[in-house]
Amino acid sequence: MTSAKPIPRYEHSPTLNTVIMVEETLRNVDKSVITVAELKRLLPRKVNHNRLKTILRYLEASNKILATVDGITWIFNPNPLLRDAISRGFEL
């Protein structure tokens, strides 16, 4: 008899409202690169640091942000013309 694998528990699961709040803040920031500390100051309400890290990992995995040692930048562009140009383009 095989035992069922336990469902992973996410201790710091953010709500959808929190994810959307962070996403909108990053999308609308005036600077091209922002640090986590600056992001925390710009958010309309406080977010637990571990939950914020979880949100940032999710946004990076979904190719909406790029996180480097210098900071975070919004990279997502939903423009269909850009997507089409990229798909038809060639790699150097």
PDB file of N, CA and C in Angstrom:
ATOM      1  N   MET A   1       0.852  -1.179   0.000  1.00  0.00           N
ATOM      2  CA  MET A   1       0.000   0.000   0.000  1.00  0.00           C
ATOM      3  C   MET A   1       0.893   1.236   0.000  1.00  0.00           C
ATOM      4  N   THR A   2       0.611   2.170  -0.885  1.00  0.00           N
ATOM      5  CA  THR A   2       1.401   3.397  -0.943  1.00  0.00           C
ATOM      6  C   THR A   2       0.721   4.476  -0.124  1.00  0.00           C
ATOM      7  N   SER A   3       1.552   5.252   0.530  1.00  0.00           N
ATOM      8  CA  SER A   3       0.979   6.333   1.329  1.00  0.00           C
ATOM      9  C   SER A   3       0.872   7.593   0.476  1.00  0.00           C
ATOM     10  N   ALA A   4      -0.158   8.343   0.715  1.00  0.00           N
ATOM     11  CA  ALA A   4      -0.375   9.577  -0.039  1.00  0.00           C
ATOM     12  C   ALA A   4       0.640  10.628   0.387  1.00  0.00           C
ATOM     13  N   LYS A   5       1.128  11.382  -0.590  1.00  0.00           N
ATOM     14  CA  LYS A   5       2.060  12.451  -0.269  1.00  0.00           C
ATOM     15  C   LYS A   5       1.317  13.576   0.432  1.00  0.00           C
ATOM     16  N   PRO A   6       1.946  14.147   1.443  1.00  0.00           N
ATOM     17  CA  PRO A   6       1.275  15.259   2.121  1.00  0.00           C
ATOM     18  C   PRO A   6       1.229  16.491   1.217  1.00  0.00           C
ATOM     19  N   ILE A   7       0.171  17.235   1.334  1.00  0.00           N
ATOM     20  CA  ILE A   7       0.028  18.470   0.564  1.00  0.00           C
ATOM     21  C   ILE A   7       0.972  19.505   1.171  1.00  0.00           C
ATOM     22  N   PRO A   8       1.787  20.169   0.317  1.00  0.00           N
ATOM     23  CA  PRO A   8       2.718  21.157   0.884  1.00  0.00           C
ATOM     24  C   PRO A   8       1.969  22.315   1.520  1.00  0.00           C
ATOM     25  N   ARG A   9       2.452  22.738   2.678  1.00  0.00           N
ATOM     26  CA  ARG A   9       1.845  23.869   3.378  1.00  0.00           C
ATOM     27  C   ARG A   9       2.649  25.110   3.094  1.00  0.00           C
ATOM     28  N   TYR A  10       1.967  26.139   2.749  1.00  0.00           N
ATOM     29  CA  TYR A  10       2.616  27.415   2.513  1.00  0.00           C
ATOM     30  C   TYR A  10       2.284  28.300   3.709  1.00  0.00           C
ATOM     31  N   GLU A  11       3.282  28.513   4.542  1.00  0.00           N
ATOM     32  CA  GLU A  11       3.067  29.257   5.776  1.00  0.00           C
ATOM     33  C   GLU A  11       2.739  30.718   5.512  1.00  0.00           C
ATOM     34  N   HIS A  12       3.265  31.253   4.430  1.00  0.00           N
ATOM     35  CA  HIS A  12       3.104  32.676   4.169  1.00  0.00           C
ATOM     36  C   HIS A  12       2.398  32.901   2.840  1.00  0.00           C
ATOM     37  N   SER A  13       1.221  32.332   2.705  1.00  0.00           N
ATOM     38  CA  SER A  13       0.471  32.477   1.463  1.00  0.00           C
ATOM     39  C   SER A  13      -0.248  33.817   1.453  1.00  0.00           C
ATOM     40  N   PRO A  14       0.065  34.665   0.477  1.00  0.00           N
ATOM     41  CA  PRO A  14      -0.609  35.962   0.400  1.00  0.00           C
ATOM     42  C   PRO A  14      -1.988  35.826  -0.223  1.00  0.00           C
ATOM     43  N   THR A  15      -2.838  36.784   0.061  1.00  0.00           N
ATOM     44  CA  THR A  15      -4.157  36.792  -0.565  1.00  0.00           C
ATOM     45  C   THR A  15      -4.034  37.384  -1.965  1.00  0.00           C
ATOM     46  N   LEU A  16      -5.037  37.137  -2.779  1.00  0.00           N
ATOM     47  CA  LEU A  16      -5.045  37.676  -4.129  1.00  0.00           C
ATOM     48  C   LEU A  16      -5.015  39.204  -4.104  1.00  0.00           C
ATOM     49  N   ASN A  17      -5.727  39.803  -3.170  1.00  0.00           N
ATOM     50  CA  ASN A  17      -5.726  41.266  -3.056  1.00  0.00           C
ATOM     51  C   ASN A  17      -4.324  41.808  -2.797  1.00  0.00           C
ATOM     52  N   THR A  18      -3.550  41.112  -1.975  1.00  0.00           N
ATOM     53  CA  THR A  18      -2.189  41.549  -1.681  1.00  0.00           C
ATOM     54  C   THR A  18      -1.303  41.406  -2.908  1.00  0.00           C
ATOM     55  N   VAL A  19      -1.448  40.311  -3.636  1.00  0.00           N
ATOM     56  CA  VAL A  19      -0.663  40.111  -4.863  1.00  0.00           C
ATOM     57  C   VAL A  19      -0.974  41.221  -5.865  1.00  0.00           C
ATOM     58  N   ILE A  20      -2.246  41.524  -6.044  1.00  0.00           N
ATOM     59  CA  ILE A  20      -2.650  42.568  -6.981  1.00  0.00           C
ATOM     60  C   ILE A  20      -2.125  43.929  -6.529  1.00  0.00           C
ATOM     61  N   MET A  21      -2.159  44.204  -5.235  1.00  0.00           N
ATOM     62  CA  MET A  21      -1.660  45.472  -4.708  1.00  0.00           C
ATOM     63  C   MET A  21      -0.171  45.636  -5.019  1.00  0.00           C
ATOM     64  N   VAL A  22       0.622  44.595  -4.796  1.00  0.00           N
ATOM     65  CA  VAL A  22       2.062  44.651  -5.065  1.00  0.00           C
ATOM     66  C   VAL A  22       2.297  44.790  -6.565  1.00  0.00           C
ATOM     67  N   GLU A  23       1.547  44.040  -7.359  1.00  0.00           N
ATOM     68  CA  GLU A  23       1.681  44.082  -8.814  1.00  0.00           C
ATOM     69  C   GLU A  23       1.397  45.490  -9.349  1.00  0.00           C
ATOM     70  N   GLU A  24       0.314  46.100  -8.897  1.00  0.00           N
ATOM     71  CA  GLU A  24      -0.037  47.448  -9.354  1.00  0.00           C
ATOM     72  C   GLU A  24       0.989  48.482  -8.906  1.00  0.00           C
ATOM     73  N   THR A  25       1.502  48.325  -7.709  1.00  0.00           N
ATOM     74  CA  THR A  25       2.523  49.252  -7.217  1.00  0.00           C
ATOM     75  C   THR A  25       3.776  49.161  -8.068  1.00  0.00           C
ATOM     76  N   LEU A  26       4.218  47.952  -8.377  1.00  0.00           N
ATOM     77  CA  LEU A  26       5.406  47.788  -9.212  1.00  0.00           C
ATOM     78  C   LEU A  26       5.171  48.298 -10.633  1.00  0.00           C
ATOM     79  N   ARG A  27       4.001  48.072 -11.168  1.00  0.00           N
ATOM     80  CA  ARG A  27       3.684  48.499 -12.536  1.00  0.00           C
ATOM     81  C   ARG A  27       3.668  50.020 -12.646  1.00  0.00           C
ATOM     82  N   ASN A  28       3.235  50.710 -11.592  1.00  0.00           N
ATOM     83  CA  ASN A  28       3.045  52.152 -11.648  1.00  0.00           C
ATOM     84  C   ASN A  28       4.182  52.960 -11.029  1.00  0.00           C
ATOM     85  N   VAL A  29       5.263  52.321 -10.625  1.00  0.00           N
ATOM     86  CA  VAL A  29       6.370  53.048 -10.004  1.00  0.00           C
ATOM     87  C   VAL A  29       7.084  53.895 -11.055  1.00  0.00           C
ATOM     88  N   ASP A  30       7.545  55.090 -10.647  1.00  0.00           N
ATOM     89  CA  ASP A  30       8.189  56.023 -11.578  1.00  0.00           C
ATOM     90  C   ASP A  30       9.606  55.603 -11.948  1.00  0.00           C
ATOM     91  N   LYS A  31      10.293  54.949 -11.037  1.00  0.00           N
ATOM     92  CA  LYS A  31      11.679  54.547 -11.289  1.00  0.00           C
ATOM     93  C   LYS A  31      11.722  53.243 -12.081  1.00  0.00           C
ATOM     94  N   SER A  32      12.824  53.021 -12.786  1.00  0.00           N
ATOM     95  CA  SER A  32      12.934  51.780 -13.559  1.00  0.00           C
ATOM     96  C   SER A  32      13.352  50.611 -12.666  1.00  0.00           C
ATOM     97  N   VAL A  33      14.110  50.887 -11.614  1.00  0.00           N
ATOM     98  CA  VAL A  33      14.541  49.846 -10.677  1.00  0.00           C
ATOM     99  C   VAL A  33      14.212  50.326  -9.269  1.00  0.00           C
ATOM    100  N   ILE A  34      13.638  49.427  -8.471  1.00  0.00           N
ATOM    101  CA  ILE A  34      13.231  49.768  -7.114  1.00  0.00           C
ATOM    102  C   ILE A  34      13.710  48.674  -6.160  1.00  0.00           C
ATOM    103  N   THR A  35      14.138  49.050  -4.985  1.00  0.00           N
ATOM    104  CA  THR A  35      14.573  48.063  -3.997  1.00  0.00           C
ATOM    105  C   THR A  35      13.357  47.551  -3.225  1.00  0.00           C
ATOM    106  N   VAL A  36      13.559  46.465  -2.510  1.00  0.00           N
ATOM    107  CA  VAL A  36      12.475  45.893  -1.705  1.00  0.00           C
ATOM    108  C   VAL A  36      12.065  46.888  -0.618  1.00  0.00           C
ATOM    109  N   ALA A  37      13.046  47.566  -0.020  1.00  0.00           N
ATOM    110  CA  ALA A  37      12.736  48.549   1.024  1.00  0.00           C
ATOM    111  C   ALA A  37      11.894  49.699   0.458  1.00  0.00           C
ATOM    112  N   GLU A  38      12.236  50.172  -0.744  1.00  0.00           N
ATOM    113  CA  GLU A  38      11.447  51.231  -1.371  1.00  0.00           C
ATOM    114  C   GLU A  38      10.041  50.739  -1.705  1.00  0.00           C
ATOM    115  N   LEU A  39       9.950  49.503  -2.183  1.00  0.00           N
ATOM    116  CA  LEU A  39       8.647  48.921  -2.491  1.00  0.00           C
ATOM    117  C   LEU A  39       7.778  48.876  -1.241  1.00  0.00           C
ATOM    118  N   LYS A  40       8.351  48.443  -0.120  1.00  0.00           N
ATOM    119  CA  LYS A  40       7.592  48.380   1.130  1.00  0.00           C
ATOM    120  C   LYS A  40       7.058  49.749   1.524  1.00  0.00           C
ATOM    121  N   ARG A  41       7.862  50.804   1.327  1.00  0.00           N
ATOM    122  CA  ARG A  41       7.424  52.164   1.662  1.00  0.00           C
ATOM    123  C   ARG A  41       6.307  52.645   0.736  1.00  0.00           C
ATOM    124  N   LEU A  42       6.320  52.209  -0.536  1.00  0.00           N
ATOM    125  CA  LEU A  42       5.330  52.665  -1.509  1.00  0.00           C
ATOM    126  C   LEU A  42       3.992  51.932  -1.412  1.00  0.00           C
ATOM    127  N   LEU A  43       3.982  50.752  -0.822  1.00  0.00           N
ATOM    128  CA  LEU A  43       2.747  49.971  -0.737  1.00  0.00           C
ATOM    129  C   LEU A  43       1.715  50.703   0.111  1.00  0.00           C
ATOM    130  N   PRO A  44       0.439  50.686  -0.290  1.00  0.00           N
ATOM    131  CA  PRO A  44      -0.599  51.391   0.457  1.00  0.00           C
ATOM    132  C   PRO A  44      -0.833  50.835   1.866  1.00  0.00           C
ATOM    133  N   ARG A  45      -0.519  49.571   2.072  1.00  0.00           N
ATOM    134  CA  ARG A  45      -0.615  49.009   3.431  1.00  0.00           C
ATOM    135  C   ARG A  45       0.554  48.051   3.647  1.00  0.00           C
ATOM    136  N   LYS A  46       0.851  47.769   4.898  1.00  0.00           N
ATOM    137  CA  LYS A  46       1.995  46.928   5.236  1.00  0.00           C
ATOM    138  C   LYS A  46       1.789  45.490   4.762  1.00  0.00           C
ATOM    139  N   VAL A  47       2.909  44.877   4.346  1.00  0.00           N
ATOM    140  CA  VAL A  47       2.886  43.477   3.924  1.00  0.00           C
ATOM    141  C   VAL A  47       4.010  42.772   4.663  1.00  0.00           C
ATOM    142  N   ASN A  48       3.705  41.627   5.228  1.00  0.00           N
ATOM    143  CA  ASN A  48       4.695  40.801   5.897  1.00  0.00           C
ATOM    144  C   ASN A  48       5.851  40.518   4.937  1.00  0.00           C
ATOM    145  N   HIS A  49       7.093  40.602   5.442  1.00  0.00           N
ATOM    146  CA  HIS A  49       8.272  40.445   4.582  1.00  0.00           C
ATOM    147  C   HIS A  49       8.290  39.086   3.872  1.00  0.00           C
ATOM    148  N   ASN A  50       7.961  38.018   4.583  1.00  0.00           N
ATOM    149  CA  ASN A  50       7.964  36.687   3.964  1.00  0.00           C
ATOM    150  C   ASN A  50       6.868  36.550   2.911  1.00  0.00           C
ATOM    151  N   ARG A  51       5.718  37.166   3.144  1.00  0.00           N
ATOM    152  CA  ARG A  51       4.661  37.148   2.130  1.00  0.00           C
ATOM    153  C   ARG A  51       5.095  37.949   0.910  1.00  0.00           C
ATOM    154  N   LEU A  52       5.768  39.068   1.138  1.00  0.00           N
ATOM    155  CA  LEU A  52       6.249  39.883   0.024  1.00  0.00           C
ATOM    156  C   LEU A  52       7.279  39.109  -0.798  1.00  0.00           C
ATOM    157  N   LYS A  53       8.153  38.378  -0.141  1.00  0.00           N
ATOM    158  CA  LYS A  53       9.128  37.552  -0.863  1.00  0.00           C
ATOM    159  C   LYS A  53       8.420  36.490  -1.694  1.00  0.00           C
ATOM    160  N   THR A  54       7.361  35.892  -1.158  1.00  0.00           N
ATOM    161  CA  THR A  54       6.584  34.894  -1.892  1.00  0.00           C
ATOM    162  C   THR A  54       5.944  35.527  -3.134  1.00  0.00           C
ATOM    163  N   ILE A  55       5.392  36.730  -2.977  1.00  0.00           N
ATOM    164  CA  ILE A  55       4.774  37.432  -4.109  1.00  0.00           C
ATOM    165  C   ILE A  55       5.821  37.744  -5.166  1.00  0.00           C
ATOM    166  N   LEU A  56       6.984  38.226  -4.752  1.00  0.00           N
ATOM    167  CA  LEU A  56       8.048  38.574  -5.700  1.00  0.00           C
ATOM    168  C   LEU A  56       8.547  37.343  -6.446  1.00  0.00           C
ATOM    169  N   ARG A  57       8.654  36.201  -5.753  1.00  0.00           N
ATOM    170  CA  ARG A  57       9.046  34.955  -6.431  1.00  0.00           C
ATOM    171  C   ARG A  57       8.000  34.563  -7.473  1.00  0.00           C
ATOM    172  N   TYR A  58       6.719  34.711  -7.116  1.00  0.00           N
ATOM    173  CA  TYR A  58       5.640  34.393  -8.063  1.00  0.00           C
ATOM    174  C   TYR A  58       5.693  35.316  -9.283  1.00  0.00           C
ATOM    175  N   LEU A  59       5.850  36.617  -9.062  1.00  0.00           N
ATOM    176  CA  LEU A  59       5.884  37.576 -10.169  1.00  0.00           C
ATOM    177  C   LEU A  59       7.090  37.339 -11.068  1.00  0.00           C
ATOM    178  N   GLU A  60       8.205  36.932 -10.487  1.00  0.00           N
ATOM    179  CA  GLU A  60       9.386  36.631 -11.298  1.00  0.00           C
ATOM    180  C   GLU A  60       9.178  35.344 -12.094  1.00  0.00           C
ATOM    181  N   ALA A  61       8.569  34.340 -11.485  1.00  0.00           N
ATOM    182  CA  ALA A  61       8.310  33.072 -12.183  1.00  0.00           C
ATOM    183  C   ALA A  61       7.318  33.265 -13.331  1.00  0.00           C
ATOM    184  N   SER A  62       6.419  34.232 -13.197  1.00  0.00           N
ATOM    185  CA  SER A  62       5.444  34.486 -14.260  1.00  0.00           C
ATOM    186  C   SER A  62       5.923  35.550 -15.246  1.00  0.00           C
ATOM    187  N   ASN A  63       7.204  35.883 -15.190  1.00  0.00           N
ATOM    188  CA  ASN A  63       7.856  36.836 -16.113  1.00  0.00           C
ATOM    189  C   ASN A  63       7.220  38.219 -16.116  1.00  0.00           C
ATOM    190  N   LYS A  64       6.802  38.680 -14.944  1.00  0.00           N
ATOM    191  CA  LYS A  64       6.269  40.034 -14.832  1.00  0.00           C
ATOM    192  C   LYS A  64       7.309  40.991 -14.276  1.00  0.00           C
ATOM    193  N   ILE A  65       8.237  40.473 -13.472  1.00  0.00           N
ATOM    194  CA  ILE A  65       9.300  41.313 -12.926  1.00  0.00           C
ATOM    195  C   ILE A  65      10.639  40.625 -13.142  1.00  0.00           C
ATOM    196  N   LEU A  66      11.684  41.412 -12.996  1.00  0.00           N
ATOM    197  CA  LEU A  66      13.034  40.883 -12.995  1.00  0.00           C
ATOM    198  C   LEU A  66      13.677  41.371 -11.709  1.00  0.00           C
ATOM    199  N   ALA A  67      14.138  40.447 -10.888  1.00  0.00           N
ATOM    200  CA  ALA A  67      14.760  40.799  -9.615  1.00  0.00           C
ATOM    201  C   ALA A  67      16.254  40.525  -9.713  1.00  0.00           C
ATOM    202  N   THR A  68      17.058  41.555  -9.457  1.00  0.00           N
ATOM    203  CA  THR A  68      18.512  41.431  -9.479  1.00  0.00           C
ATOM    204  C   THR A  68      19.064  41.973  -8.170  1.00  0.00           C
ATOM    205  N   VAL A  69      20.382  41.978  -8.039  1.00  0.00           N
ATOM    206  CA  VAL A  69      20.987  42.524  -6.830  1.00  0.00           C
ATOM    207  C   VAL A  69      20.768  44.030  -6.737  1.00  0.00           C
ATOM    208  N   ASP A  70      20.539  44.689  -7.875  1.00  0.00           N
ATOM    209  CA  ASP A  70      20.298  46.135  -7.877  1.00  0.00           C
ATOM    210  C   ASP A  70      18.869  46.488  -7.485  1.00  0.00           C
ATOM    211  N   GLY A  71      17.938  45.569  -7.668  1.00  0.00           N
ATOM    212  CA  GLY A  71      16.558  45.836  -7.322  1.00  0.00           C
ATOM    213  C   GLY A  71      15.591  45.079  -8.209  1.00  0.00           C
ATOM    214  N   ILE A  72      14.369  45.584  -8.257  1.00  0.00           N
ATOM    215  CA  ILE A  72      13.275  44.933  -8.978  1.00  0.00           C
ATOM    216  C   ILE A  72      12.812  45.875 -10.082  1.00  0.00           C
ATOM    217  N   THR A  73      12.524  45.324 -11.252  1.00  0.00           N
ATOM    218  CA  THR A  73      11.977  46.128 -12.338  1.00  0.00           C
ATOM    219  C   THR A  73      10.821  45.391 -12.996  1.00  0.00           C
ATOM    220  N   TRP A  74       9.809  46.136 -13.408  1.00  0.00           N
ATOM    221  CA  TRP A  74       8.629  45.584 -14.079  1.00  0.00           C
ATOM    222  C   TRP A  74       8.991  45.351 -15.537  1.00  0.00           C
ATOM    223  N   ILE A  75       8.793  44.130 -16.063  1.00  0.00           N
ATOM    224  CA  ILE A  75       9.165  43.820 -17.445  1.00  0.00           C
ATOM    225  C   ILE A  75       8.001  43.334 -18.289  1.00  0.00           C
ATOM    226  N   PHE A  76       6.857  43.086 -17.691  1.00  0.00           N
ATOM    227  CA  PHE A  76       5.730  42.519 -18.415  1.00  0.00           C
ATOM    228  C   PHE A  76       5.131  43.546 -19.376  1.00  0.00           C
ATOM    229  N   ASN A  77       4.903  43.138 -20.621  1.00  0.00           N
ATOM    230  CA  ASN A  77       4.275  43.995 -21.619  1.00  0.00           C
ATOM    231  C   ASN A  77       3.244  43.154 -22.380  1.00  0.00           C
ATOM    232  N   PRO A  78       1.947  43.409 -22.152  1.00  0.00           N
ATOM    233  CA  PRO A  78       0.906  42.588 -22.776  1.00  0.00           C
ATOM    234  C   PRO A  78       0.572  42.974 -24.220  1.00  0.00           C
ATOM    235  N   ASN A  79       1.318  43.893 -24.806  1.00  0.00           N
ATOM    236  CA  ASN A  79       1.028  44.361 -26.159  1.00  0.00           C
ATOM    237  C   ASN A  79       1.115  43.202 -27.150  1.00  0.00           C
ATOM    238  N   PRO A  80       0.018  42.878 -27.864  1.00  0.00           N
ATOM    239  CA  PRO A  80       0.049  41.745 -28.806  1.00  0.00           C
ATOM    240  C   PRO A  80       0.984  41.982 -29.994  1.00  0.00           C
ATOM    241  N   LEU A  81       1.181  43.241 -30.384  1.00  0.00           N
ATOM    242  CA  LEU A  81       2.097  43.533 -31.487  1.00  0.00           C
ATOM    243  C   LEU A  81       3.542  43.204 -31.096  1.00  0.00           C
ATOM    244  N   LEU A  82       3.886  43.501 -29.847  1.00  0.00           N
ATOM    245  CA  LEU A  82       5.223  43.158 -29.369  1.00  0.00           C
ATOM    246  C   LEU A  82       5.400  41.647 -29.317  1.00  0.00           C
ATOM    247  N   ARG A  83       4.407  40.949 -28.806  1.00  0.00           N
ATOM    248  CA  ARG A  83       4.476  39.475 -28.745  1.00  0.00           C
ATOM    249  C   ARG A  83       4.636  38.883 -30.150  1.00  0.00           C
ATOM    250  N   ASP A  84       3.910  39.423 -31.119  1.00  0.00           N
ATOM    251  CA  ASP A  84       3.989  38.942 -32.492  1.00  0.00           C
ATOM    252  C   ASP A  84       5.388  39.204 -33.080  1.00  0.00           C
ATOM    253  N   ALA A  85       5.915  40.393 -32.838  1.00  0.00           N
ATOM    254  CA  ALA A  85       7.240  40.738 -33.356  1.00  0.00           C
ATOM    255  C   ALA A  85       8.315  39.828 -32.751  1.00  0.00           C
ATOM    256  N   ILE A  86       8.181  39.525 -31.478  1.00  0.00           N
ATOM    257  CA  ILE A  86       9.140  38.646 -30.815  1.00  0.00           C
ATOM    258  C   ILE A  86       9.052  37.239 -31.396  1.00  0.00           C
ATOM    259  N   SER A  87       7.839  36.755 -31.629  1.00  0.00           N
ATOM    260  CA  SER A  87       7.682  35.397 -32.148  1.00  0.00           C
ATOM    261  C   SER A  87       8.201  35.273 -33.584  1.00  0.00           C
ATOM    262  N   ARG A  88       8.115  36.350 -34.374  1.00  0.00           N
ATOM    263  CA  ARG A  88       8.596  36.315 -35.753  1.00  0.00           C
ATOM    264  C   ARG A  88      10.069  36.700 -35.872  1.00  0.00           C
ATOM    265  N   GLY A  89      10.619  37.253 -34.808  1.00  0.00           N
ATOM    266  CA  GLY A  89      12.004  37.714 -34.847  1.00  0.00           C
ATOM    267  C   GLY A  89      12.985  36.563 -34.864  1.00  0.00           C
ATOM    268  N   PHE A  90      14.244  36.885 -34.977  1.00  0.00           N
ATOM    269  CA  PHE A  90      15.281  35.850 -34.961  1.00  0.00           C
ATOM    270  C   PHE A  90      16.292  36.174 -33.880  1.00  0.00           C
ATOM    271  N   GLU A  91      16.962  35.145 -33.421  1.00  0.00           N
ATOM    272  CA  GLU A  91      17.916  35.280 -32.340  1.00  0.00           C
ATOM    273  C   GLU A  91      19.312  35.470 -32.914  1.00  0.00           C
ATOM    274  N   LEU A  92      20.042  36.407 -32.332  1.00  0.00           N
ATOM    275  CA  LEU A  92      21.411  36.665 -32.785  1.00  0.00           C
ATOM    276  C   LEU A  92      22.378  35.685 -32.181  1.00  0.00           C
TER     277      LEU A  92
END
